[in-house]
């Protein structure tokens, strides 16, 4: 696998994610939107943003392991959060993300606030891309 993360001097400096990811070799893994449900399909963390973020990252980790990879294979994450989550609550995302991803070369990331997600009670959802040695 050949993956290079970059934060060029010609772009804004941001923390927690890379601006660019160049993939030149490897198996691309696309992961559907992960939601805060456990393996019994029960909602985890009703009205608890931090608990929901933790469950989503656990689900993402399980998906990557099933595909033969790990969280260090992530190259892109798209995060969707309901608008009712406050900036203070959002710090739970950053803390959880930093426990799961390679913070030295974090994946490219997008964080979007939405009016609601597909199911009542969901506060957070994430889809992802990873590259694994072919």
C-alpha atoms as a PDB file:
ATOM      1  CA  UNK A   1       0.000   0.000   0.000  1.00  0.00           C
ATOM      2  CA  UNK A   2       1.235   3.454  -0.826  1.00  0.00           C
ATOM      3  CA  UNK A   3      -0.583   6.297   0.890  1.00  0.00           C
ATOM      4  CA  UNK A   4       0.778   9.786   1.493  1.00  0.00           C
ATOM      5  CA  UNK A   5      -0.947  12.398   3.659  1.00  0.00           C
ATOM      6  CA  UNK A   6      -0.041  16.051   3.189  1.00  0.00           C
ATOM      7  CA  UNK A   7      -0.754  19.516   4.534  1.00  0.00           C
ATOM      8  CA  UNK A   8       0.846  21.846   1.968  1.00  0.00           C
ATOM      9  CA  UNK A   9       2.082  25.240   3.110  1.00  0.00           C
ATOM     10  CA  UNK A  10      -0.196  26.774   0.450  1.00  0.00           C
ATOM     11  CA  UNK A  11      -3.317  25.564   2.298  1.00  0.00           C
ATOM     12  CA  UNK A  12      -4.906  26.523   5.624  1.00  0.00           C
ATOM     13  CA  UNK A  13      -3.372  24.837   8.673  1.00  0.00           C
ATOM     14  CA  UNK A  14      -5.918  22.636  10.434  1.00  0.00           C
ATOM     15  CA  UNK A  15      -5.521  20.153  13.252  1.00  0.00           C
ATOM     16  CA  UNK A  16      -7.048  16.699  13.527  1.00  0.00           C
ATOM     17  CA  UNK A  17      -7.086  15.868   9.836  1.00  0.00           C
ATOM     18  CA  UNK A  18      -4.946  15.998   6.697  1.00  0.00           C
ATOM     19  CA  UNK A  19      -5.796  18.229   3.734  1.00  0.00           C
ATOM     20  CA  UNK A  20      -4.691  15.723   1.069  1.00  0.00           C
ATOM     21  CA  UNK A  21      -4.351  11.952   0.793  1.00  0.00           C
ATOM     22  CA  UNK A  22      -2.655  10.476  -2.260  1.00  0.00           C
ATOM     23  CA  UNK A  23      -3.190   6.754  -2.842  1.00  0.00           C
ATOM     24  CA  UNK A  24      -0.976   5.129  -5.455  1.00  0.00           C
ATOM     25  CA  UNK A  25      -1.440   1.437  -4.599  1.00  0.00           C
ATOM     26  CA  UNK A  26      -3.664  -0.795  -2.483  1.00  0.00           C
ATOM     27  CA  UNK A  27      -7.172  -2.194  -2.099  1.00  0.00           C
ATOM     28  CA  UNK A  28      -9.832   0.488  -1.647  1.00  0.00           C
ATOM     29  CA  UNK A  29     -12.403  -0.240   1.070  1.00  0.00           C
ATOM     30  CA  UNK A  30     -15.620   1.819   1.129  1.00  0.00           C
ATOM     31  CA  UNK A  31     -17.589   1.674   4.380  1.00  0.00           C
ATOM     32  CA  UNK A  32     -21.261   2.596   4.537  1.00  0.00           C
ATOM     33  CA  UNK A  33     -22.553   5.081   7.060  1.00  0.00           C
ATOM     34  CA  UNK A  34     -21.981   3.687  10.535  1.00  0.00           C
ATOM     35  CA  UNK A  35     -24.596   4.561  13.123  1.00  0.00           C
ATOM     36  CA  UNK A  36     -24.771   4.242  16.921  1.00  0.00           C
ATOM     37  CA  UNK A  37     -26.192   0.708  17.050  1.00  0.00           C
ATOM     38  CA  UNK A  38     -24.561  -2.314  18.671  1.00  0.00           C
ATOM     39  CA  UNK A  39     -24.378  -5.835  17.204  1.00  0.00           C
ATOM     40  CA  UNK A  40     -27.924  -6.490  18.496  1.00  0.00           C
ATOM     41  CA  UNK A  41     -29.039  -3.487  16.409  1.00  0.00           C
ATOM     42  CA  UNK A  42     -29.949  -1.534  19.552  1.00  0.00           C
ATOM     43  CA  UNK A  43     -29.374   2.202  19.756  1.00  0.00           C
ATOM     44  CA  UNK A  44     -26.426   3.009  22.018  1.00  0.00           C
ATOM     45  CA  UNK A  45     -26.358   6.273  23.954  1.00  0.00           C
ATOM     46  CA  UNK A  46     -29.807   7.723  23.531  1.00  0.00           C
ATOM     47  CA  UNK A  47     -29.393  11.521  23.886  1.00  0.00           C
ATOM     48  CA  UNK A  48     -25.666  10.971  24.638  1.00  0.00           C
ATOM     49  CA  UNK A  49     -23.498  12.322  21.817  1.00  0.00           C
ATOM     50  CA  UNK A  50     -20.216  11.025  23.294  1.00  0.00           C
ATOM     51  CA  UNK A  51     -21.589   7.479  23.677  1.00  0.00           C
ATOM     52  CA  UNK A  52     -22.916   7.529  20.119  1.00  0.00           C
ATOM     53  CA  UNK A  53     -19.592   8.706  18.698  1.00  0.00           C
ATOM     54  CA  UNK A  54     -17.801   5.940  20.611  1.00  0.00           C
ATOM     55  CA  UNK A  55     -20.191   3.289  19.207  1.00  0.00           C
ATOM     56  CA  UNK A  56     -19.797   4.595  15.660  1.00  0.00           C
ATOM     57  CA  UNK A  57     -15.996   4.368  15.936  1.00  0.00           C
ATOM     58  CA  UNK A  58     -16.325   0.824  17.354  1.00  0.00           C
ATOM     59  CA  UNK A  59     -18.492  -0.125  14.375  1.00  0.00           C
ATOM     60  CA  UNK A  60     -16.010   1.433  11.960  1.00  0.00           C
ATOM     61  CA  UNK A  61     -13.166  -0.467  13.628  1.00  0.00           C
ATOM     62  CA  UNK A  62     -15.140  -3.739  13.294  1.00  0.00           C
ATOM     63  CA  UNK A  63     -15.802  -3.040   9.599  1.00  0.00           C
ATOM     64  CA  UNK A  64     -12.129  -2.403   8.916  1.00  0.00           C
ATOM     65  CA  UNK A  65     -11.086  -5.578  10.734  1.00  0.00           C
ATOM     66  CA  UNK A  66     -13.662  -7.555   8.719  1.00  0.00           C
ATOM     67  CA  UNK A  67     -12.050  -6.209   5.536  1.00  0.00           C
ATOM     68  CA  UNK A  68      -8.568  -7.207   6.742  1.00  0.00           C
ATOM     69  CA  UNK A  69      -7.420  -3.794   7.908  1.00  0.00           C
ATOM     70  CA  UNK A  70      -7.302  -1.517  10.924  1.00  0.00           C
ATOM     71  CA  UNK A  71      -8.060   2.074  11.840  1.00  0.00           C
ATOM     72  CA  UNK A  72      -4.586   3.019  10.586  1.00  0.00           C
ATOM     73  CA  UNK A  73      -5.782   2.162   7.060  1.00  0.00           C
ATOM     74  CA  UNK A  74      -8.346   5.006   7.071  1.00  0.00           C
ATOM     75  CA  UNK A  75      -7.794   7.616   4.392  1.00  0.00           C
ATOM     76  CA  UNK A  76     -11.122   9.527   4.506  1.00  0.00           C
ATOM     77  CA  UNK A  77     -13.962   9.980   6.975  1.00  0.00           C
ATOM     78  CA  UNK A  78     -17.222  11.883   6.467  1.00  0.00           C
ATOM     79  CA  UNK A  79     -18.940  12.848   9.705  1.00  0.00           C
ATOM     80  CA  UNK A  80     -22.601  13.830  10.013  1.00  0.00           C
ATOM     81  CA  UNK A  81     -23.874  15.392  13.226  1.00  0.00           C
ATOM     82  CA  UNK A  82     -27.312  16.730  14.104  1.00  0.00           C
ATOM     83  CA  UNK A  83     -27.420  20.498  14.506  1.00  0.00           C
ATOM     84  CA  UNK A  84     -28.602  20.276  18.118  1.00  0.00           C
ATOM     85  CA  UNK A  85     -25.139  19.065  19.221  1.00  0.00           C
ATOM     86  CA  UNK A  86     -23.268  21.959  20.830  1.00  0.00           C
ATOM     87  CA  UNK A  87     -19.641  22.938  20.187  1.00  0.00           C
ATOM     88  CA  UNK A  88     -18.835  21.722  23.716  1.00  0.00           C
ATOM     89  CA  UNK A  89     -20.382  18.320  22.986  1.00  0.00           C
ATOM     90  CA  UNK A  90     -18.499  18.143  19.694  1.00  0.00           C
ATOM     91  CA  UNK A  91     -15.196  17.939  21.590  1.00  0.00           C
ATOM     92  CA  UNK A  92     -16.230  14.344  22.402  1.00  0.00           C
ATOM     93  CA  UNK A  93     -15.828  13.598  18.697  1.00  0.00           C
ATOM     94  CA  UNK A  94     -12.295  14.984  18.638  1.00  0.00           C
ATOM     95  CA  UNK A  95     -11.228  13.077  21.762  1.00  0.00           C
ATOM     96  CA  UNK A  96     -12.704   9.805  20.508  1.00  0.00           C
ATOM     97  CA  UNK A  97     -11.308  10.247  16.999  1.00  0.00           C
ATOM     98  CA  UNK A  98      -7.834  10.851  18.387  1.00  0.00           C
ATOM     99  CA  UNK A  99      -7.971   7.549  20.314  1.00  0.00           C
ATOM    100  CA  UNK A 100      -8.838   5.613  17.159  1.00  0.00           C
ATOM    101  CA  UNK A 101      -6.971   7.209  14.233  1.00  0.00           C
ATOM    102  CA  UNK A 102      -3.314   7.696  13.458  1.00  0.00           C
ATOM    103  CA  UNK A 103      -2.912  11.251  14.780  1.00  0.00           C
ATOM    104  CA  UNK A 104       0.545  11.591  13.198  1.00  0.00           C
ATOM    105  CA  UNK A 105      -1.062  11.158   9.750  1.00  0.00           C
ATOM    106  CA  UNK A 106      -4.795  11.609  10.301  1.00  0.00           C
ATOM    107  CA  UNK A 107      -7.269  10.786   7.550  1.00  0.00           C
ATOM    108  CA  UNK A 108      -8.793  13.423   5.337  1.00  0.00           C
ATOM    109  CA  UNK A 109     -12.025  14.475   7.026  1.00  0.00           C
ATOM    110  CA  UNK A 110     -15.283  16.341   6.546  1.00  0.00           C
ATOM    111  CA  UNK A 111     -17.649  17.279   9.385  1.00  0.00           C
ATOM    112  CA  UNK A 112     -21.185  18.309   8.473  1.00  0.00           C
ATOM    113  CA  UNK A 113     -24.067  19.493  10.656  1.00  0.00           C
ATOM    114  CA  UNK A 114     -27.484  18.356   9.432  1.00  0.00           C
ATOM    115  CA  UNK A 115     -31.028  19.035  10.604  1.00  0.00           C
ATOM    116  CA  UNK A 116     -31.590  15.317  11.266  1.00  0.00           C
ATOM    117  CA  UNK A 117     -30.318  11.864  10.405  1.00  0.00           C
ATOM    118  CA  UNK A 118     -32.335   8.974   8.937  1.00  0.00           C
ATOM    119  CA  UNK A 119     -33.576   7.542  12.257  1.00  0.00           C
ATOM    120  CA  UNK A 120     -34.956   9.289  15.334  1.00  0.00           C
ATOM    121  CA  UNK A 121     -32.418   9.315  18.150  1.00  0.00           C
ATOM    122  CA  UNK A 122     -29.324   9.266  15.961  1.00  0.00           C
ATOM    123  CA  UNK A 123     -27.008  12.173  16.747  1.00  0.00           C
ATOM    124  CA  UNK A 124     -23.970  11.037  14.722  1.00  0.00           C
ATOM    125  CA  UNK A 125     -23.129   8.974  11.629  1.00  0.00           C
ATOM    126  CA  UNK A 126     -19.881   8.398   9.750  1.00  0.00           C
ATOM    127  CA  UNK A 127     -18.912   6.791   6.459  1.00  0.00           C
ATOM    128  CA  UNK A 128     -15.324   6.093   5.501  1.00  0.00           C
ATOM    129  CA  UNK A 129     -12.722   4.996   2.979  1.00  0.00           C
ATOM    130  CA  UNK A 130      -9.644   2.933   3.726  1.00  0.00           C
ATOM    131  CA  UNK A 131      -6.756   1.533   1.706  1.00  0.00           C
ATOM    132  CA  UNK A 132      -5.315  -1.875   2.570  1.00  0.00           C
ATOM    133  CA  UNK A 133      -2.294  -3.647   1.091  1.00  0.00           C
ATOM    134  CA  UNK A 134      -3.431  -5.505  -2.013  1.00  0.00           C
END
